[in-house]
C-alpha atoms as a PDB file:
ATOM      1  CA  MET A   1     -17.012   0.044   2.645  1.00  0.00           C
ATOM      2  CA  PRO A   2     -13.383   0.322   2.569  1.00  0.00           C
ATOM      3  CA  ILE A   3     -10.611  -2.401   1.313  1.00  0.00           C
ATOM      4  CA  TYR A   4      -7.907  -3.249   4.307  1.00  0.00           C
ATOM      5  CA  GLU A   5      -4.782  -5.118   3.454  1.00  0.00           C
ATOM      6  CA  PHE A   6      -3.862  -7.741   5.910  1.00  0.00           C
ATOM      7  CA  GLU A   7      -0.425 -10.300   6.210  1.00  0.00           C
ATOM      8  CA  CYS A   8      -0.585 -13.460   7.761  1.00  0.00           C
ATOM      9  CA  GLU A   9       1.426 -14.673  11.216  1.00  0.00           C
ATOM     10  CA  LYS A  10       2.164 -17.899   9.987  1.00  0.00           C
ATOM     11  CA  CYS A  11       2.916 -17.842   6.209  1.00  0.00           C
ATOM     12  CA  ARG A  12       3.487 -14.366   5.945  1.00  0.00           C
ATOM     13  CA  HIS A  13       0.986 -13.771   2.797  1.00  0.00           C
ATOM     14  CA  GLN A  14      -0.783 -10.388   1.937  1.00  0.00           C
ATOM     15  CA  PHE A  15      -4.169 -10.232   0.781  1.00  0.00           C
ATOM     16  CA  GLU A  16      -7.005  -7.857   0.362  1.00  0.00           C
ATOM     17  CA  ARG A  17     -10.244  -8.118   2.074  1.00  0.00           C
ATOM     18  CA  LEU A  18     -13.622  -5.611   1.504  1.00  0.00           C
ATOM     19  CA  VAL A  19     -14.829  -4.940   5.001  1.00  0.00           C
ATOM     20  CA  PHE A  20     -18.249  -3.988   5.740  1.00  0.00           C
ATOM     21  CA  ALA A  21     -19.557  -1.876   8.482  1.00  0.00           C
ATOM     22  CA  GLY A  22     -19.570  -3.934  11.839  1.00  0.00           C
ATOM     23  CA  ASP A  23     -18.058  -7.094  10.828  1.00  0.00           C
ATOM     24  CA  ASN A  24     -14.961  -7.497  13.374  1.00  0.00           C
ATOM     25  CA  ASP A  25     -14.089 -11.208  12.115  1.00  0.00           C
ATOM     26  CA  THR A  26     -10.701 -11.798  11.268  1.00  0.00           C
ATOM     27  CA  PRO A  27     -10.360 -12.772   8.109  1.00  0.00           C
ATOM     28  CA  GLU A  28      -8.894 -15.935   6.863  1.00  0.00           C
ATOM     29  CA  CYS A  29      -5.480 -16.375   5.047  1.00  0.00           C
ATOM     30  CA  PRO A  30      -6.672 -17.491   1.990  1.00  0.00           C
ATOM     31  CA  LYS A  31      -3.094 -18.862   1.311  1.00  0.00           C
ATOM     32  CA  CYS A  32      -3.069 -21.065   4.271  1.00  0.00           C
ATOM     33  CA  GLY A  33      -5.984 -21.139   6.081  1.00  0.00           C
ATOM     34  CA  CYS A  34      -4.797 -19.532   9.456  1.00  0.00           C
ATOM     35  CA  ARG A  35      -6.677 -16.895  11.270  1.00  0.00           C
ATOM     36  CA  LYS A  36      -4.129 -15.126  12.790  1.00  0.00           C
ATOM     37  CA  THR A  37      -4.039 -11.946  10.572  1.00  0.00           C
ATOM     38  CA  SER A  38      -2.865  -8.352  11.625  1.00  0.00           C
ATOM     39  CA  LYS A  39      -4.421  -5.292   9.536  1.00  0.00           C
ATOM     40  CA  LEU A  40      -1.386  -3.626   7.521  1.00  0.00           C
ATOM     41  CA  MET A  41      -1.222   0.259   7.529  1.00  0.00           C
ATOM     42  CA  SER A  42      -2.129   0.730   3.712  1.00  0.00           C
ATOM     43  CA  ALA A  43      -0.151   3.493   1.396  1.00  0.00           C
ATOM     44  CA  CYS A  44      -3.013   6.167   0.143  1.00  0.00           C
ATOM     45  CA  SER A  45      -2.244   8.112  -2.777  1.00  0.00           C
ATOM     46  CA  ILE A  46      -3.481  12.118  -3.329  1.00  0.00           C
ATOM     47  CA  ARG A  47      -2.860  14.151  -6.070  1.00  0.00           C
ATOM     48  CA  SER A  48      -3.614  17.575  -6.179  1.00  0.00           C
ATOM     49  CA  GLY A  49      -3.139  19.649  -9.516  1.00  0.00           C
ATOM     50  CA  GLY A  50      -2.432  16.370 -11.347  1.00  0.00           C
ATOM     51  CA  ALA A  51      -2.966  15.774 -15.258  1.00  0.00           C
ATOM     52  CA  LEU A  52      -6.435  15.065 -14.454  1.00  0.00           C
ATOM     53  CA  SER A  53      -6.856  17.958 -11.956  1.00  0.00           C
ATOM     54  CA  GLY A  54      -8.456  19.995 -14.330  1.00  0.00           C
ATOM     55  CA  LEU A  55     -11.415  17.950 -15.982  1.00  0.00           C
ATOM     56  CA  GLY A  56     -14.303  20.275 -16.262  1.00  0.00           C
ATOM     57  CA  ASP A  57     -12.503  23.188 -15.647  1.00  0.00           C
ATOM     58  CA  SER A  58     -12.284  25.652 -18.266  1.00  0.00           C
ATOM     59  CA  ARG A  59      -9.568  27.733 -16.453  1.00  0.00           C
ATOM     60  CA  ALA A  60      -7.002  24.963 -16.442  1.00  0.00           C
ATOM     61  CA  SER A  61      -4.000  24.648 -18.725  1.00  0.00           C
ATOM     62  CA  SER A  62      -2.970  23.048 -21.735  1.00  0.00           C
ATOM     63  CA  CYS A  63      -1.262  19.386 -21.576  1.00  0.00           C
ATOM     64  CA  ALA A  64       0.253  20.472 -24.892  1.00  0.00           C
ATOM     65  CA  PRO A  65       4.245  22.332 -25.065  1.00  0.00           C
ATOM     66  CA  LYS A  66       4.475  25.577 -25.368  1.00  0.00           C
ATOM     67  CA  GLY A  67       6.242  27.291 -27.510  1.00  0.00           C
END
C-alpha cells in the first residue's frame, strides 16, 4: 500500500494519501473538497554506503576519525 502525493487542480494544495490495491477513486482535496486532483511524481531517496549501510556487518569501517 504505497503513499502517493496528489495536487488539487483548483487550489493547488498538495497532500498525501495511502492508496490500497484496486482503489481507483480520485481522492478529494482536504483543503477545498474538489475531486479534480492529479497524482504527482514523487522523489525517492536511495542510499548506498551511508552511515547505516554497515549495520550488522562486522566488516563495516568505523565512523570514528582516523589518526
